């Protein structure tokens, strides 16, 4: 698994997960919406921790900064 997620991508996914958790705790989401958003939040946290998004791979997408070669 080659990393394909940059810092900004990971931060946005983590903020989304935190927002979903807060909305759930405050009772603003419930039922099916809470289950779907909760599952998505868990997936976002896991992909952020490993810096790899399986949906990016088939399309060759990478949000990592390109390494600069000094020469």
PDB file of N, CA and C in Angstrom:
ATOM      1  N   UNK A   1       0.837  -1.182   0.000  1.00  0.00           N
ATOM      2  CA  UNK A   1       0.000   0.000   0.000  1.00  0.00           C
ATOM      3  C   UNK A   1       0.879   1.241   0.000  1.00  0.00           C
ATOM      4  N   UNK A   2       0.876   1.946  -1.094  1.00  0.00           N
ATOM      5  CA  UNK A   2       1.616   3.194  -1.187  1.00  0.00           C
ATOM      6  C   UNK A   2       0.711   4.327  -0.699  1.00  0.00           C
ATOM      7  N   UNK A   3       1.250   5.198   0.115  1.00  0.00           N
ATOM      8  CA  UNK A   3       0.461   6.311   0.650  1.00  0.00           C
ATOM      9  C   UNK A   3      -0.051   7.172  -0.499  1.00  0.00           C
ATOM     10  N   UNK A   4      -1.326   7.535  -0.429  1.00  0.00           N
ATOM     11  CA  UNK A   4      -1.895   8.389  -1.464  1.00  0.00           C
ATOM     12  C   UNK A   4      -2.745   9.531  -0.892  1.00  0.00           C
ATOM     13  N   UNK A   5      -2.569   9.798   0.407  1.00  0.00           N
ATOM     14  CA  UNK A   5      -3.309  10.878   1.050  1.00  0.00           C
ATOM     15  C   UNK A   5      -2.353  11.882   1.678  1.00  0.00           C
ATOM     16  N   UNK A   6      -2.561  13.140   1.349  1.00  0.00           N
ATOM     17  CA  UNK A   6      -1.760  14.201   1.920  1.00  0.00           C
ATOM     18  C   UNK A   6      -2.320  14.672   3.254  1.00  0.00           C
ATOM     19  N   UNK A   7      -1.600  15.579   3.876  1.00  0.00           N
ATOM     20  CA  UNK A   7      -1.974  16.093   5.196  1.00  0.00           C
ATOM     21  C   UNK A   7      -3.338  16.790   5.172  1.00  0.00           C
ATOM     22  N   UNK A   8      -3.567  17.628   4.185  1.00  0.00           N
ATOM     23  CA  UNK A   8      -4.836  18.358   4.110  1.00  0.00           C
ATOM     24  C   UNK A   8      -6.007  17.392   3.989  1.00  0.00           C
ATOM     25  N   UNK A   9      -5.861  16.379   3.165  1.00  0.00           N
ATOM     26  CA  UNK A   9      -6.897  15.368   2.987  1.00  0.00           C
ATOM     27  C   UNK A   9      -7.188  14.662   4.308  1.00  0.00           C
ATOM     28  N   UNK A  10      -6.148  14.296   5.032  1.00  0.00           N
ATOM     29  CA  UNK A  10      -6.322  13.603   6.318  1.00  0.00           C
ATOM     30  C   UNK A  10      -7.003  14.500   7.347  1.00  0.00           C
ATOM     31  N   UNK A  11      -6.646  15.783   7.368  1.00  0.00           N
ATOM     32  CA  UNK A  11      -7.242  16.719   8.325  1.00  0.00           C
ATOM     33  C   UNK A  11      -8.731  16.908   8.033  1.00  0.00           C
ATOM     34  N   UNK A  12      -9.080  17.060   6.759  1.00  0.00           N
ATOM     35  CA  UNK A  12     -10.485  17.246   6.382  1.00  0.00           C
ATOM     36  C   UNK A  12     -11.311  16.025   6.764  1.00  0.00           C
ATOM     37  N   UNK A  13     -10.771  14.835   6.507  1.00  0.00           N
ATOM     38  CA  UNK A  13     -11.486  13.605   6.867  1.00  0.00           C
ATOM     39  C   UNK A  13     -11.657  13.492   8.379  1.00  0.00           C
ATOM     40  N   UNK A  14     -10.626  13.853   9.132  1.00  0.00           N
ATOM     41  CA  UNK A  14     -10.703  13.784  10.594  1.00  0.00           C
ATOM     42  C   UNK A  14     -11.713  14.790  11.135  1.00  0.00           C
ATOM     43  N   UNK A  15     -11.728  15.987  10.578  1.00  0.00           N
ATOM     44  CA  UNK A  15     -12.695  16.998  11.013  1.00  0.00           C
ATOM     45  C   UNK A  15     -14.124  16.553  10.720  1.00  0.00           C
ATOM     46  N   UNK A  16     -14.335  15.913   9.580  1.00  0.00           N
ATOM     47  CA  UNK A  16     -15.655  15.378   9.250  1.00  0.00           C
ATOM     48  C   UNK A  16     -16.078  14.352  10.297  1.00  0.00           C
ATOM     49  N   UNK A  17     -15.179  13.456  10.654  1.00  0.00           N
ATOM     50  CA  UNK A  17     -15.485  12.414  11.638  1.00  0.00           C
ATOM     51  C   UNK A  17     -15.823  13.023  12.997  1.00  0.00           C
ATOM     52  N   UNK A  18     -15.079  14.037  13.402  1.00  0.00           N
ATOM     53  CA  UNK A  18     -15.345  14.710  14.675  1.00  0.00           C
ATOM     54  C   UNK A  18     -16.705  15.406  14.623  1.00  0.00           C
ATOM     55  N   UNK A  19     -17.005  16.051  13.507  1.00  0.00           N
ATOM     56  CA  UNK A  19     -18.298  16.736  13.362  1.00  0.00           C
ATOM     57  C   UNK A  19     -19.454  15.743  13.465  1.00  0.00           C
ATOM     58  N   UNK A  20     -19.322  14.589  12.826  1.00  0.00           N
ATOM     59  CA  UNK A  20     -20.364  13.561  12.902  1.00  0.00           C
ATOM     60  C   UNK A  20     -20.534  13.094  14.347  1.00  0.00           C
ATOM     61  N   UNK A  21     -19.428  12.881  15.040  1.00  0.00           N
ATOM     62  CA  UNK A  21     -19.498  12.443  16.440  1.00  0.00           C
ATOM     63  C   UNK A  21     -20.207  13.489  17.294  1.00  0.00           C
ATOM     64  N   UNK A  22     -19.882  14.746  17.098  1.00  0.00           N
ATOM     65  CA  UNK A  22     -20.511  15.820  17.872  1.00  0.00           C
ATOM     66  C   UNK A  22     -22.009  15.890  17.578  1.00  0.00           C
ATOM     67  N   UNK A  23     -22.374  15.807  16.304  1.00  0.00           N
ATOM     68  CA  UNK A  23     -23.789  15.839  15.940  1.00  0.00           C
ATOM     69  C   UNK A  23     -24.547  14.667  16.555  1.00  0.00           C
ATOM     70  N   UNK A  24     -23.912  13.511  16.595  1.00  0.00           N
ATOM     71  CA  UNK A  24     -24.562  12.336  17.186  1.00  0.00           C
ATOM     72  C   UNK A  24     -24.727  12.513  18.700  1.00  0.00           C
ATOM     73  N   UNK A  25     -23.668  12.981  19.356  1.00  0.00           N
ATOM     74  CA  UNK A  25     -23.716  13.173  20.808  1.00  0.00           C
ATOM     75  C   UNK A  25     -24.778  14.207  21.187  1.00  0.00           C
ATOM     76  N   UNK A  26     -24.911  15.262  20.389  1.00  0.00           N
ATOM     77  CA  UNK A  26     -25.895  16.304  20.662  1.00  0.00           C
ATOM     78  C   UNK A  26     -27.303  15.898  20.253  1.00  0.00           C
ATOM     79  N   UNK A  27     -27.441  14.727  19.641  1.00  0.00           N
ATOM     80  CA  UNK A  27     -28.757  14.236  19.250  1.00  0.00           C
ATOM     81  C   UNK A  27     -29.310  14.876  17.996  1.00  0.00           C
ATOM     82  N   UNK A  28     -28.455  15.497  17.203  1.00  0.00           N
ATOM     83  CA  UNK A  28     -28.913  16.172  15.988  1.00  0.00           C
ATOM     84  C   UNK A  28     -29.051  15.212  14.809  1.00  0.00           C
ATOM     85  N   UNK A  29     -28.405  14.058  14.901  1.00  0.00           N
ATOM     86  CA  UNK A  29     -28.605  13.011  13.898  1.00  0.00           C
ATOM     87  C   UNK A  29     -28.934  11.713  14.634  1.00  0.00           C
ATOM     88  N   UNK A  30     -29.794  10.939  14.027  1.00  0.00           N
ATOM     89  CA  UNK A  30     -30.170   9.662  14.639  1.00  0.00           C
ATOM     90  C   UNK A  30     -30.663   8.721  13.549  1.00  0.00           C
ATOM     91  N   UNK A  31     -30.951   7.517  13.930  1.00  0.00           N
ATOM     92  CA  UNK A  31     -31.499   6.540  13.006  1.00  0.00           C
ATOM     93  C   UNK A  31     -30.543   6.159  11.885  1.00  0.00           C
ATOM     94  N   UNK A  32     -31.100   6.026  10.698  1.00  0.00           N
ATOM     95  CA  UNK A  32     -30.336   5.598   9.532  1.00  0.00           C
ATOM     96  C   UNK A  32     -29.232   6.591   9.189  1.00  0.00           C
ATOM     97  N   UNK A  33     -29.527   7.880   9.288  1.00  0.00           N
ATOM     98  CA  UNK A  33     -28.521   8.901   8.979  1.00  0.00           C
ATOM     99  C   UNK A  33     -27.320   8.763   9.909  1.00  0.00           C
ATOM    100  N   UNK A  34     -27.572   8.512  11.180  1.00  0.00           N
ATOM    101  CA  UNK A  34     -26.482   8.354  12.146  1.00  0.00           C
ATOM    102  C   UNK A  34     -25.644   7.121  11.828  1.00  0.00           C
ATOM    103  N   UNK A  35     -26.293   6.055  11.424  1.00  0.00           N
ATOM    104  CA  UNK A  35     -25.563   4.824  11.106  1.00  0.00           C
ATOM    105  C   UNK A  35     -24.689   5.021   9.867  1.00  0.00           C
ATOM    106  N   UNK A  36     -25.262   5.616   8.820  1.00  0.00           N
ATOM    107  CA  UNK A  36     -24.512   5.826   7.580  1.00  0.00           C
ATOM    108  C   UNK A  36     -23.362   6.808   7.799  1.00  0.00           C
ATOM    109  N   UNK A  37     -23.643   7.941   8.435  1.00  0.00           N
ATOM    110  CA  UNK A  37     -22.587   8.927   8.683  1.00  0.00           C
ATOM    111  C   UNK A  37     -21.542   8.395   9.661  1.00  0.00           C
ATOM    112  N   UNK A  38     -21.973   7.610  10.637  1.00  0.00           N
ATOM    113  CA  UNK A  38     -21.036   7.007  11.583  1.00  0.00           C
ATOM    114  C   UNK A  38     -20.098   6.030  10.897  1.00  0.00           C
ATOM    115  N   UNK A  39     -20.639   5.207  10.016  1.00  0.00           N
ATOM    116  CA  UNK A  39     -19.804   4.260   9.268  1.00  0.00           C
ATOM    117  C   UNK A  39     -18.818   5.003   8.376  1.00  0.00           C
ATOM    118  N   UNK A  40     -19.288   6.053   7.713  1.00  0.00           N
ATOM    119  CA  UNK A  40     -18.411   6.857   6.868  1.00  0.00           C
ATOM    120  C   UNK A  40     -17.318   7.532   7.703  1.00  0.00           C
ATOM    121  N   UNK A  41     -17.678   8.008   8.881  1.00  0.00           N
ATOM    122  CA  UNK A  41     -16.699   8.640   9.770  1.00  0.00           C
ATOM    123  C   UNK A  41     -15.624   7.650  10.207  1.00  0.00           C
ATOM    124  N   UNK A  42     -16.029   6.426  10.528  1.00  0.00           N
ATOM    125  CA  UNK A  42     -15.058   5.394  10.921  1.00  0.00           C
ATOM    126  C   UNK A  42     -14.109   5.088   9.761  1.00  0.00           C
ATOM    127  N   UNK A  43     -14.662   4.963   8.558  1.00  0.00           N
ATOM    128  CA  UNK A  43     -13.832   4.707   7.379  1.00  0.00           C
ATOM    129  C   UNK A  43     -12.860   5.862   7.162  1.00  0.00           C
ATOM    130  N   UNK A  44     -13.334   7.085   7.302  1.00  0.00           N
ATOM    131  CA  UNK A  44     -12.467   8.256   7.128  1.00  0.00           C
ATOM    132  C   UNK A  44     -11.329   8.266   8.150  1.00  0.00           C
ATOM    133  N   UNK A  45     -11.628   7.931   9.392  1.00  0.00           N
ATOM    134  CA  UNK A  45     -10.586   7.896  10.424  1.00  0.00           C
ATOM    135  C   UNK A  45      -9.558   6.817  10.097  1.00  0.00           C
ATOM    136  N   UNK A  46     -10.022   5.640   9.717  1.00  0.00           N
ATOM    137  CA  UNK A  46      -9.095   4.548   9.402  1.00  0.00           C
ATOM    138  C   UNK A  46      -8.209   4.878   8.208  1.00  0.00           C
ATOM    139  N   UNK A  47      -8.811   5.434   7.152  1.00  0.00           N
ATOM    140  CA  UNK A  47      -7.996   5.783   5.985  1.00  0.00           C
ATOM    141  C   UNK A  47      -7.020   6.908   6.308  1.00  0.00           C
ATOM    142  N   UNK A  48      -7.409   7.813   7.188  1.00  0.00           N
ATOM    143  CA  UNK A  48      -6.496   8.886   7.599  1.00  0.00           C
ATOM    144  C   UNK A  48      -5.309   8.332   8.384  1.00  0.00           C
ATOM    145  N   UNK A  49      -5.565   7.352   9.230  1.00  0.00           N
ATOM    146  CA  UNK A  49      -4.492   6.781  10.043  1.00  0.00           C
ATOM    147  C   UNK A  49      -3.458   6.028   9.199  1.00  0.00           C
ATOM    148  N   UNK A  50      -3.911   5.373   8.139  1.00  0.00           N
ATOM    149  CA  UNK A  50      -2.974   4.618   7.302  1.00  0.00           C
ATOM    150  C   UNK A  50      -2.512   5.402   6.076  1.00  0.00           C
ATOM    151  N   UNK A  51      -3.046   6.603   5.888  1.00  0.00           N
ATOM    152  CA  UNK A  51      -2.692   7.485   4.762  1.00  0.00           C
ATOM    153  C   UNK A  51      -2.922   6.837   3.404  1.00  0.00           C
ATOM    154  N   UNK A  52      -3.933   5.992   3.320  1.00  0.00           N
ATOM    155  CA  UNK A  52      -4.235   5.305   2.067  1.00  0.00           C
ATOM    156  C   UNK A  52      -5.738   5.239   1.871  1.00  0.00           C
ATOM    157  N   UNK A  53      -6.203   5.682   0.711  1.00  0.00           N
ATOM    158  CA  UNK A  53      -7.615   5.590   0.364  1.00  0.00           C
ATOM    159  C   UNK A  53      -7.752   4.601  -0.786  1.00  0.00           C
ATOM    160  N   UNK A  54      -8.429   3.478  -0.553  1.00  0.00           N
ATOM    161  CA  UNK A  54      -8.568   2.473  -1.604  1.00  0.00           C
ATOM    162  C   UNK A  54      -9.327   2.976  -2.840  1.00  0.00           C
ATOM    163  N   UNK A  55     -10.187   3.968  -2.682  1.00  0.00           N
ATOM    164  CA  UNK A  55     -10.913   4.501  -3.834  1.00  0.00           C
ATOM    165  C   UNK A  55     -10.027   5.362  -4.728  1.00  0.00           C
ATOM    166  N   UNK A  56      -8.962   5.911  -4.190  1.00  0.00           N
ATOM    167  CA  UNK A  56      -8.037   6.711  -4.986  1.00  0.00           C
ATOM    168  C   UNK A  56      -7.175   5.828  -5.892  1.00  0.00           C
ATOM    169  N   UNK A  57      -6.821   4.640  -5.435  1.00  0.00           N
ATOM    170  CA  UNK A  57      -5.869   3.767  -6.125  1.00  0.00           C
ATOM    171  C   UNK A  57      -6.245   3.435  -7.577  1.00  0.00           C
ATOM    172  N   UNK A  58      -7.462   2.969  -7.862  1.00  0.00           N
ATOM    173  CA  UNK A  58      -7.767   2.600  -9.249  1.00  0.00           C
ATOM    174  C   UNK A  58      -7.720   3.782 -10.226  1.00  0.00           C
ATOM    175  N   UNK A  59      -7.915   4.981  -9.692  1.00  0.00           N
ATOM    176  CA  UNK A  59      -7.932   6.162 -10.545  1.00  0.00           C
ATOM    177  C   UNK A  59      -6.587   6.891 -10.573  1.00  0.00           C
ATOM    178  N   UNK A  60      -5.623   6.392  -9.809  1.00  0.00           N
ATOM    179  CA  UNK A  60      -4.293   7.010  -9.772  1.00  0.00           C
ATOM    180  C   UNK A  60      -4.279   8.356  -9.074  1.00  0.00           C
ATOM    181  N   UNK A  61      -5.242   8.590  -8.202  1.00  0.00           N
ATOM    182  CA  UNK A  61      -5.328   9.863  -7.488  1.00  0.00           C
ATOM    183  C   UNK A  61      -4.401   9.833  -6.279  1.00  0.00           C
ATOM    184  N   UNK A  62      -3.715  10.934  -6.062  1.00  0.00           N
ATOM    185  CA  UNK A  62      -2.878  11.087  -4.874  1.00  0.00           C
ATOM    186  C   UNK A  62      -2.924  12.536  -4.427  1.00  0.00           C
ATOM    187  N   UNK A  63      -3.168  12.752  -3.145  1.00  0.00           N
ATOM    188  CA  UNK A  63      -3.170  14.114  -2.613  1.00  0.00           C
ATOM    189  C   UNK A  63      -1.882  14.409  -1.851  1.00  0.00           C
ATOM    190  N   UNK A  64      -0.922  13.495  -1.958  1.00  0.00           N
ATOM    191  CA  UNK A  64       0.388  13.713  -1.337  1.00  0.00           C
ATOM    192  C   UNK A  64       1.148  14.767  -2.134  1.00  0.00           C
ATOM    193  N   UNK A  65       1.929  15.566  -1.424  1.00  0.00           N
ATOM    194  CA  UNK A  65       2.783  16.517  -2.113  1.00  0.00           C
ATOM    195  C   UNK A  65       3.876  15.750  -2.843  1.00  0.00           C
ATOM    196  N   UNK A  66       4.221  16.246  -4.011  1.00  0.00           N
ATOM    197  CA  UNK A  66       5.287  15.626  -4.779  1.00  0.00           C
ATOM    198  C   UNK A  66       6.614  15.884  -4.099  1.00  0.00           C
ATOM    199  N   UNK A  67       7.453  14.862  -4.079  1.00  0.00           N
ATOM    200  CA  UNK A  67       8.788  15.028  -3.492  1.00  0.00           C
ATOM    201  C   UNK A  67       9.631  15.892  -4.405  1.00  0.00           C
ATOM    202  N   UNK A  68      10.309  16.841  -3.825  1.00  0.00           N
ATOM    203  CA  UNK A  68      11.163  17.728  -4.610  1.00  0.00           C
ATOM    204  C   UNK A  68      12.559  17.161  -4.668  1.00  0.00           C
ATOM    205  N   UNK A  69      13.090  17.090  -5.865  1.00  0.00           N
ATOM    206  CA  UNK A  69      14.430  16.566  -6.059  1.00  0.00           C
ATOM    207  C   UNK A  69      15.363  17.756  -6.207  1.00  0.00           C
ATOM    208  N   UNK A  70      16.306  17.865  -5.296  1.00  0.00           N
ATOM    209  CA  UNK A  70      17.271  18.966  -5.403  1.00  0.00           C
ATOM    210  C   UNK A  70      18.501  18.434  -6.116  1.00  0.00           C
ATOM    211  N   UNK A  71      18.976  19.229  -7.015  1.00  0.00           N
ATOM    212  CA  UNK A  71      20.046  18.661  -7.790  1.00  0.00           C
ATOM    213  C   UNK A  71      21.065  19.639  -8.163  1.00  0.00           C
TER     214      UNK A  71
END
